[in-house]
Amino acid sequence: MKTADIAVAAFLGLMVVTSLISCWALILFRDAFQRMHYLSLVTTVSTLSLLIAVAIKEGWGQATVKAVLTFIVLLLVNAVVTHATARAARIRQYGSWMPAPEEHIEGARESR
């Protein structure tokens, strides 16, 4: 077994482990605000691990370029989807995404 094959197996293993951690976090945490943070682990660490494994195995070719583009799209879209999910969860919970005036006062008191 070559060193490149060991590196590919290690990066694919890292991808699987981080994906499993994210899945368990989605099951264990109780609300959407806690759960959404663990989705970024999959779109960053897991996808980057897959990208590195593809780059090691295939070299700089069509597969690696597609993996790089997929990683970039997931990285950019993840922030938008996370923000939209948080906003929708807040609207569902409080009826509005804007904080109530008493929340502003409480936040100002806590920051002092």
Protein backbone atom coordinates (compact mmCIF):
# COMPACT_ATOMS: atom_id res chain seq x y z
CA MET A 1 0.00 0.00 0.00
CA LYS A 2 1.42 3.34 -1.05
CA THR A 3 1.59 6.46 1.07
CA ALA A 4 -0.95 8.17 -1.20
CA ASP A 5 -3.45 5.37 -0.59
CA ILE A 6 -2.98 5.68 3.17
CA ALA A 7 -3.51 9.45 2.97
CA VAL A 8 -6.67 8.99 0.88
CA ALA A 9 -8.01 6.45 3.38
CA ALA A 10 -7.22 8.81 6.28
CA PHE A 11 -9.01 11.76 4.66
CA LEU A 12 -12.02 9.62 3.76
CA GLY A 13 -12.07 8.33 7.34
CA LEU A 14 -12.01 11.91 8.64
CA MET A 15 -14.91 12.71 6.33
CA VAL A 16 -16.95 9.80 7.67
CA VAL A 17 -16.17 10.62 11.31
CA THR A 18 -17.14 14.29 10.98
CA SER A 19 -20.33 13.33 9.14
CA LEU A 20 -21.26 10.89 11.90
CA ILE A 21 -20.57 13.52 14.58
CA SER A 22 -22.88 15.92 12.77
CA CYS A 23 -25.60 13.30 12.46
CA TRP A 24 -25.42 12.48 16.18
CA ALA A 25 -25.51 16.17 17.03
CA LEU A 26 -28.68 16.61 14.97
CA ILE A 27 -30.27 13.79 16.94
CA LEU A 28 -29.04 14.81 20.40
CA PHE A 29 -29.58 18.57 20.47
CA ARG A 30 -33.06 19.82 21.21
CA ASP A 31 -33.74 22.88 19.05
CA ALA A 32 -32.97 24.16 15.58
CA PHE A 33 -30.67 26.91 16.82
CA GLN A 34 -28.29 24.34 18.33
CA ARG A 35 -28.60 21.85 15.48
CA MET A 36 -27.79 24.25 12.67
CA HIS A 37 -24.23 24.78 13.88
CA TYR A 38 -23.32 21.16 13.28
CA LEU A 39 -24.38 21.26 9.64
CA SER A 40 -21.45 23.53 8.88
CA LEU A 41 -19.09 20.77 10.04
CA VAL A 42 -20.25 18.60 7.15
CA THR A 43 -20.02 21.35 4.54
CA THR A 44 -16.55 22.45 5.61
CA VAL A 45 -14.47 19.68 7.18
CA SER A 46 -16.09 16.70 5.46
CA THR A 47 -16.18 18.30 2.04
CA LEU A 48 -12.62 19.58 2.38
CA SER A 49 -11.47 16.08 3.39
CA LEU A 50 -13.18 14.63 0.33
CA LEU A 51 -11.61 17.31 -1.86
CA ILE A 52 -8.12 16.52 -0.58
CA ALA A 53 -8.70 12.77 -1.04
CA VAL A 54 -9.82 13.30 -4.63
CA ALA A 55 -6.87 15.59 -5.32
CA ILE A 56 -4.40 13.02 -3.95
CA LYS A 57 -5.99 10.12 -5.82
CA GLU A 58 -6.76 11.77 -9.16
CA GLY A 59 -4.16 14.51 -9.39
CA TRP A 60 -5.01 17.85 -10.97
CA GLY A 61 -7.71 16.88 -13.44
CA GLN A 62 -11.38 17.17 -14.18
CA ALA A 63 -12.47 15.33 -11.02
CA THR A 64 -10.40 17.60 -8.79
CA VAL A 65 -11.70 20.75 -10.49
CA LYS A 66 -15.27 19.55 -9.98
CA ALA A 67 -14.52 18.77 -6.32
CA VAL A 68 -13.03 22.25 -5.82
CA LEU A 69 -16.08 23.91 -7.41
CA THR A 70 -18.42 21.78 -5.30
CA PHE A 71 -16.52 22.74 -2.14
CA ILE A 72 -16.69 26.45 -2.99
CA VAL A 73 -20.42 26.31 -3.76
CA LEU A 74 -21.17 24.42 -0.53
CA LEU A 75 -19.06 26.83 1.47
CA LEU A 76 -20.88 29.87 0.09
CA VAL A 77 -24.38 28.40 0.14
CA ASN A 78 -24.00 27.05 3.69
CA ALA A 79 -23.87 30.55 5.18
CA VAL A 80 -27.01 31.63 3.31
CA VAL A 81 -28.96 28.49 4.19
CA THR A 82 -27.92 28.67 7.85
CA HIS A 83 -29.00 32.30 8.08
CA ALA A 84 -32.33 31.59 6.37
CA THR A 85 -32.95 28.62 8.67
CA ALA A 86 -32.20 30.67 11.78
CA ARG A 87 -34.47 33.46 10.59
CA ALA A 88 -37.32 31.05 9.80
CA ALA A 89 -36.93 29.34 13.18
CA ARG A 90 -37.03 32.71 14.96
CA ILE A 91 -40.14 33.78 13.05
CA ARG A 92 -41.81 30.48 13.89
CA GLN A 93 -40.89 30.75 17.58
CA TYR A 94 -41.48 34.48 18.20
CA GLY A 95 -43.73 35.54 15.33
CA SER A 96 -41.19 38.04 13.99
CA TRP A 97 -37.52 38.10 13.21
CA MET A 98 -37.13 41.54 14.77
CA PRO A 99 -36.34 41.51 18.49
CA ALA A 100 -38.96 42.95 20.82
CA PRO A 101 -38.10 46.26 22.56
CA GLU A 102 -37.67 44.49 25.90
CA GLU A 103 -35.05 42.21 24.31
CA HIS A 104 -33.05 45.31 23.35
CA ILE A 105 -33.22 46.60 26.92
CA GLU A 106 -32.23 43.19 28.38
CA GLY A 107 -29.34 42.89 25.93
CA ALA A 108 -28.09 46.37 26.82
CA ARG A 109 -28.22 45.57 30.53
CA GLU A 110 -26.31 42.32 30.08
CA SER A 111 -23.55 43.99 28.06
CA ARG A 112 -22.84 46.54 30.79
